[in-house]
C-alpha cells in the first residue's frame, strides 16, 4: 500500500529499511528531545526505539516511511492495531507537512478497522497532535537514569462516528 501525499509518498517499510527507520528516529530524538527532556529521558527514548524493536515492527508490517519528492526517506510512523507510535520526521523536514501527512495516513489505516486511535505523545510532538484534533486522556511519568523523569501524555482521537463503534474493535480502553 503506497499513499501519494502533497509533495511525497508514504510506503510500507521493508526489512532493508530498518537502518533508515533507525537513523530517522535517532537523529530526531538526538536533535529535538534535549530541548524538552533531561538527558536520562533522552537516553530512555533511544533505548526504547532500539534496533530490535524497529526490526520486529517492520517484520510485522507495522512501519511506514514518508518519502519526499526528491526520493529521500524523511519520516516514519508505526501503526499497530489502533495505536500510532514511533512517528518521527527529520528535523530539516519538520514544519513542512510531513508529520501531518503521516498522522493522516495512520488515521486512515486505523479507521478502516477501529473507531478510535490512541498514542503516547512526547512533549515535542504534543502540539502537532492537538492541531490534528487529538485529545489528552492521561499523563504519565517514567523514572529514568540519573534521577531524571520522562513525562508524556496519552491521547486519543475518534475516527468514526459513535454509531460505527459497534463494527470495530478497540485496543485501548480510554
C-alpha atoms as a PDB file:
ATOM      1  CA  UNK A   1       0.000   0.000   0.000  1.00  0.00           C
ATOM      2  CA  UNK A   2       1.545   3.249  -1.124  1.00  0.00           C
ATOM      3  CA  UNK A   3      -0.174   6.574  -0.469  1.00  0.00           C
ATOM      4  CA  UNK A   4       0.524   9.680  -2.513  1.00  0.00           C
ATOM      5  CA  UNK A   5       0.975  12.852  -0.486  1.00  0.00           C
ATOM      6  CA  UNK A   6       1.211  16.534  -1.396  1.00  0.00           C
ATOM      7  CA  UNK A   7       4.954  16.514  -2.023  1.00  0.00           C
ATOM      8  CA  UNK A   8       5.917  12.930  -1.393  1.00  0.00           C
ATOM      9  CA  UNK A   9       4.559   9.476  -0.724  1.00  0.00           C
ATOM     10  CA  UNK A  10       4.158   7.072   2.159  1.00  0.00           C
ATOM     11  CA  UNK A  11       5.067   3.434   1.683  1.00  0.00           C
ATOM     12  CA  UNK A  12       5.481   0.384   3.893  1.00  0.00           C
ATOM     13  CA  UNK A  13       8.990  -0.145   5.231  1.00  0.00           C
ATOM     14  CA  UNK A  14      10.667  -3.382   4.184  1.00  0.00           C
ATOM     15  CA  UNK A  15      13.375  -5.327   6.007  1.00  0.00           C
ATOM     16  CA  UNK A  16      16.107  -3.433   4.126  1.00  0.00           C
ATOM     17  CA  UNK A  17      14.746  -0.152   5.559  1.00  0.00           C
ATOM     18  CA  UNK A  18      15.427  -0.852   9.242  1.00  0.00           C
ATOM     19  CA  UNK A  19      18.581   1.296   9.325  1.00  0.00           C
ATOM     20  CA  UNK A  20      16.748   4.159   7.621  1.00  0.00           C
ATOM     21  CA  UNK A  21      13.959   3.977  10.230  1.00  0.00           C
ATOM     22  CA  UNK A  22      16.595   3.815  12.988  1.00  0.00           C
ATOM     23  CA  UNK A  23      18.502   6.781  11.572  1.00  0.00           C
ATOM     24  CA  UNK A  24      15.375   8.958  11.244  1.00  0.00           C
ATOM     25  CA  UNK A  25      14.340   8.010  14.777  1.00  0.00           C
ATOM     26  CA  UNK A  26      17.744   8.545  16.391  1.00  0.00           C
ATOM     27  CA  UNK A  27      18.556  11.766  14.544  1.00  0.00           C
ATOM     28  CA  UNK A  28      15.205  13.260  15.503  1.00  0.00           C
ATOM     29  CA  UNK A  29      15.446  12.206  19.156  1.00  0.00           C
ATOM     30  CA  UNK A  30      19.032  13.450  19.478  1.00  0.00           C
ATOM     31  CA  UNK A  31      18.334  16.808  17.810  1.00  0.00           C
ATOM     32  CA  UNK A  32      14.902  17.657  19.214  1.00  0.00           C
ATOM     33  CA  UNK A  33      14.303  15.877  22.515  1.00  0.00           C
ATOM     34  CA  UNK A  34      17.133  17.532  24.527  1.00  0.00           C
ATOM     35  CA  UNK A  35      15.145  20.771  24.208  1.00  0.00           C
ATOM     36  CA  UNK A  36      12.199  19.131  26.009  1.00  0.00           C
ATOM     37  CA  UNK A  37      13.669  16.420  28.257  1.00  0.00           C
ATOM     38  CA  UNK A  38      16.633  15.809  30.589  1.00  0.00           C
ATOM     39  CA  UNK A  39      19.471  13.521  29.445  1.00  0.00           C
ATOM     40  CA  UNK A  40      18.112  10.418  31.218  1.00  0.00           C
ATOM     41  CA  UNK A  41      14.797  10.712  29.380  1.00  0.00           C
ATOM     42  CA  UNK A  42      16.529  11.180  26.011  1.00  0.00           C
ATOM     43  CA  UNK A  43      18.551   8.025  26.701  1.00  0.00           C
ATOM     44  CA  UNK A  44      15.325   6.209  27.609  1.00  0.00           C
ATOM     45  CA  UNK A  45      13.774   7.180  24.232  1.00  0.00           C
ATOM     46  CA  UNK A  46      16.872   5.995  22.360  1.00  0.00           C
ATOM     47  CA  UNK A  47      16.820   2.633  24.161  1.00  0.00           C
ATOM     48  CA  UNK A  48      13.052   2.271  23.731  1.00  0.00           C
ATOM     49  CA  UNK A  49      13.299   2.726  19.959  1.00  0.00           C
ATOM     50  CA  UNK A  50      16.115   0.175  19.613  1.00  0.00           C
ATOM     51  CA  UNK A  51      17.169  -1.849  16.565  1.00  0.00           C
ATOM     52  CA  UNK A  52      15.367  -4.993  17.729  1.00  0.00           C
ATOM     53  CA  UNK A  53      12.062  -3.143  18.232  1.00  0.00           C
ATOM     54  CA  UNK A  54      12.341  -1.489  14.821  1.00  0.00           C
ATOM     55  CA  UNK A  55      13.146  -4.769  13.049  1.00  0.00           C
ATOM     56  CA  UNK A  56      10.275  -6.539  14.834  1.00  0.00           C
ATOM     57  CA  UNK A  57       7.772  -3.843  13.836  1.00  0.00           C
ATOM     58  CA  UNK A  58       8.976  -3.893  10.230  1.00  0.00           C
ATOM     59  CA  UNK A  59       8.721  -7.713  10.130  1.00  0.00           C
ATOM     60  CA  UNK A  60       5.130  -7.380  11.378  1.00  0.00           C
ATOM     61  CA  UNK A  61       4.334  -4.858   8.603  1.00  0.00           C
ATOM     62  CA  UNK A  62       3.619  -2.028  11.044  1.00  0.00           C
ATOM     63  CA  UNK A  63       6.157   0.575   9.849  1.00  0.00           C
ATOM     64  CA  UNK A  64       5.790   3.165   7.078  1.00  0.00           C
ATOM     65  CA  UNK A  65       8.173   5.688   5.574  1.00  0.00           C
ATOM     66  CA  UNK A  66       7.486   9.157   4.232  1.00  0.00           C
ATOM     67  CA  UNK A  67       9.481   9.592   1.023  1.00  0.00           C
ATOM     68  CA  UNK A  68       9.997  13.216  -0.019  1.00  0.00           C
ATOM     69  CA  UNK A  69       9.571  14.451  -3.583  1.00  0.00           C
ATOM     70  CA  UNK A  70      13.351  14.117  -4.037  1.00  0.00           C
ATOM     71  CA  UNK A  71      13.199  10.418  -3.077  1.00  0.00           C
ATOM     72  CA  UNK A  72      14.685  10.714   0.431  1.00  0.00           C
ATOM     73  CA  UNK A  73      13.089   8.940   3.402  1.00  0.00           C
ATOM     74  CA  UNK A  74      12.446  11.793   5.852  1.00  0.00           C
ATOM     75  CA  UNK A  75       9.803  10.434   8.239  1.00  0.00           C
ATOM     76  CA  UNK A  76       8.431   7.261   9.738  1.00  0.00           C
ATOM     77  CA  UNK A  77       5.383   6.038  11.641  1.00  0.00           C
ATOM     78  CA  UNK A  78       4.442   2.731  13.241  1.00  0.00           C
ATOM     79  CA  UNK A  79       0.802   1.610  13.300  1.00  0.00           C
ATOM     80  CA  UNK A  80      -0.119  -1.390  15.431  1.00  0.00           C
ATOM     81  CA  UNK A  81      -3.861  -2.100  15.687  1.00  0.00           C
ATOM     82  CA  UNK A  82      -5.332   1.276  16.726  1.00  0.00           C
ATOM     83  CA  UNK A  83      -2.083   2.605  18.211  1.00  0.00           C
ATOM     84  CA  UNK A  84       0.176   5.146  16.491  1.00  0.00           C
ATOM     85  CA  UNK A  85       3.802   5.059  17.575  1.00  0.00           C
ATOM     86  CA  UNK A  86       7.324   5.976  16.569  1.00  0.00           C
ATOM     87  CA  UNK A  87       6.255   8.964  14.485  1.00  0.00           C
ATOM     88  CA  UNK A  88       9.407  10.891  13.665  1.00  0.00           C
ATOM     89  CA  UNK A  89      10.307  13.408  10.960  1.00  0.00           C
ATOM     90  CA  UNK A  90      13.885  14.524  10.357  1.00  0.00           C
ATOM     91  CA  UNK A  91      14.413  17.993  11.860  1.00  0.00           C
ATOM     92  CA  UNK A  92      15.152  19.588   8.471  1.00  0.00           C
ATOM     93  CA  UNK A  93      11.705  18.483   7.240  1.00  0.00           C
ATOM     94  CA  UNK A  94       9.669  19.430  10.305  1.00  0.00           C
ATOM     95  CA  UNK A  95       7.079  22.124   9.696  1.00  0.00           C
ATOM     96  CA  UNK A  96       6.680  21.092   6.037  1.00  0.00           C
ATOM     97  CA  UNK A  97       3.602  18.887   6.409  1.00  0.00           C
ATOM     98  CA  UNK A  98       5.361  15.519   6.578  1.00  0.00           C
ATOM     99  CA  UNK A  99       4.272  14.845  10.168  1.00  0.00           C
ATOM    100  CA  UNK A 100       0.691  15.823   9.390  1.00  0.00           C
ATOM    101  CA  UNK A 101       0.716  13.559   6.345  1.00  0.00           C
ATOM    102  CA  UNK A 102       1.988  10.644   8.444  1.00  0.00           C
ATOM    103  CA  UNK A 103      -0.708  11.268  11.079  1.00  0.00           C
ATOM    104  CA  UNK A 104      -3.467  11.430   8.446  1.00  0.00           C
ATOM    105  CA  UNK A 105      -2.152   8.259   6.799  1.00  0.00           C
ATOM    106  CA  UNK A 106      -2.046   6.390  10.119  1.00  0.00           C
ATOM    107  CA  UNK A 107      -5.552   7.602  11.000  1.00  0.00           C
ATOM    108  CA  UNK A 108      -6.930   6.299   7.677  1.00  0.00           C
ATOM    109  CA  UNK A 109      -5.307   2.896   8.245  1.00  0.00           C
ATOM    110  CA  UNK A 110      -6.755   2.670  11.742  1.00  0.00           C
ATOM    111  CA  UNK A 111     -10.216   3.981  10.781  1.00  0.00           C
ATOM    112  CA  UNK A 112     -10.642   1.032   8.422  1.00  0.00           C
ATOM    113  CA  UNK A 113     -10.827  -1.283  11.473  1.00  0.00           C
ATOM    114  CA  UNK A 114     -11.262   0.817  14.625  1.00  0.00           C
ATOM    115  CA  UNK A 115     -13.457   3.762  15.618  1.00  0.00           C
ATOM    116  CA  UNK A 116     -10.731   5.394  17.707  1.00  0.00           C
ATOM    117  CA  UNK A 117      -6.964   5.789  17.581  1.00  0.00           C
ATOM    118  CA  UNK A 118      -4.610   6.142  20.542  1.00  0.00           C
ATOM    119  CA  UNK A 119      -0.999   7.209  21.029  1.00  0.00           C
ATOM    120  CA  UNK A 120       1.607   8.287  23.555  1.00  0.00           C
ATOM    121  CA  UNK A 121       2.703  11.853  22.828  1.00  0.00           C
ATOM    122  CA  UNK A 122       6.090  13.283  23.678  1.00  0.00           C
ATOM    123  CA  UNK A 123       6.237  16.939  24.691  1.00  0.00           C
ATOM    124  CA  UNK A 124       7.956  17.632  21.372  1.00  0.00           C
ATOM    125  CA  UNK A 125       5.011  16.263  19.346  1.00  0.00           C
ATOM    126  CA  UNK A 126       2.038  17.157  21.541  1.00  0.00           C
ATOM    127  CA  UNK A 127       1.212  20.452  19.785  1.00  0.00           C
ATOM    128  CA  UNK A 128       1.158  18.673  16.412  1.00  0.00           C
ATOM    129  CA  UNK A 129      -1.350  16.114  17.673  1.00  0.00           C
ATOM    130  CA  UNK A 130      -3.529  18.805  19.259  1.00  0.00           C
ATOM    131  CA  UNK A 131      -3.615  20.682  15.921  1.00  0.00           C
ATOM    132  CA  UNK A 132      -4.856  17.472  14.297  1.00  0.00           C
ATOM    133  CA  UNK A 133      -7.770  17.072  16.699  1.00  0.00           C
ATOM    134  CA  UNK A 134      -6.295  14.693  19.268  1.00  0.00           C
ATOM    135  CA  UNK A 135      -7.395  14.880  22.911  1.00  0.00           C
ATOM    136  CA  UNK A 136      -5.379  14.226  26.051  1.00  0.00           C
ATOM    137  CA  UNK A 137      -6.570  11.245  28.083  1.00  0.00           C
ATOM    138  CA  UNK A 138      -3.746  10.758  30.563  1.00  0.00           C
ATOM    139  CA  UNK A 139      -0.409  11.911  31.886  1.00  0.00           C
ATOM    140  CA  UNK A 140       2.444   9.560  32.767  1.00  0.00           C
ATOM    141  CA  UNK A 141       5.830   9.847  34.462  1.00  0.00           C
ATOM    142  CA  UNK A 142       8.605   7.295  33.941  1.00  0.00           C
ATOM    143  CA  UNK A 143      11.679   7.320  36.172  1.00  0.00           C
ATOM    144  CA  UNK A 144      14.877   7.259  34.099  1.00  0.00           C
ATOM    145  CA  UNK A 145      18.601   7.088  34.787  1.00  0.00           C
ATOM    146  CA  UNK A 146      20.374   9.873  36.682  1.00  0.00           C
ATOM    147  CA  UNK A 147      17.204  10.604  38.660  1.00  0.00           C
ATOM    148  CA  UNK A 148      15.600  12.106  35.539  1.00  0.00           C
ATOM    149  CA  UNK A 149      11.969  11.682  34.557  1.00  0.00           C
ATOM    150  CA  UNK A 150      10.226  11.252  31.231  1.00  0.00           C
ATOM    151  CA  UNK A 151       6.754  12.794  31.198  1.00  0.00           C
ATOM    152  CA  UNK A 152       4.309  12.148  28.376  1.00  0.00           C
ATOM    153  CA  UNK A 153       0.616  12.228  27.566  1.00  0.00           C
ATOM    154  CA  UNK A 154      -1.676   9.546  26.258  1.00  0.00           C
ATOM    155  CA  UNK A 155      -4.049  10.861  23.615  1.00  0.00           C
ATOM    156  CA  UNK A 156      -6.986   9.623  21.579  1.00  0.00           C
ATOM    157  CA  UNK A 157      -8.964  10.649  18.551  1.00  0.00           C
ATOM    158  CA  UNK A 158     -12.362   9.445  17.404  1.00  0.00           C
ATOM    159  CA  UNK A 159     -12.045   8.483  13.737  1.00  0.00           C
ATOM    160  CA  UNK A 160     -15.610   7.358  13.078  1.00  0.00           C
ATOM    161  CA  UNK A 161     -18.964   8.429  14.456  1.00  0.00           C
ATOM    162  CA  UNK A 162     -20.099   6.735  17.668  1.00  0.00           C
ATOM    163  CA  UNK A 163     -22.652   4.552  15.854  1.00  0.00           C
ATOM    164  CA  UNK A 164     -19.843   2.965  13.842  1.00  0.00           C
ATOM    165  CA  UNK A 165     -18.207   1.851  17.097  1.00  0.00           C
ATOM    166  CA  UNK A 166     -20.115  -1.438  17.166  1.00  0.00           C
ATOM    167  CA  UNK A 167     -18.428  -2.594  13.957  1.00  0.00           C
ATOM    168  CA  UNK A 168     -14.804  -2.115  15.054  1.00  0.00           C
ATOM    169  CA  UNK A 169     -12.712  -3.251  17.968  1.00  0.00           C
ATOM    170  CA  UNK A 170     -10.620  -1.133  20.247  1.00  0.00           C
ATOM    171  CA  UNK A 171      -7.149  -1.864  21.594  1.00  0.00           C
ATOM    172  CA  UNK A 172      -7.103   0.626  24.468  1.00  0.00           C
ATOM    173  CA  UNK A 173      -9.988   1.435  26.770  1.00  0.00           C
ATOM    174  CA  UNK A 174      -9.773   5.172  27.260  1.00  0.00           C
END
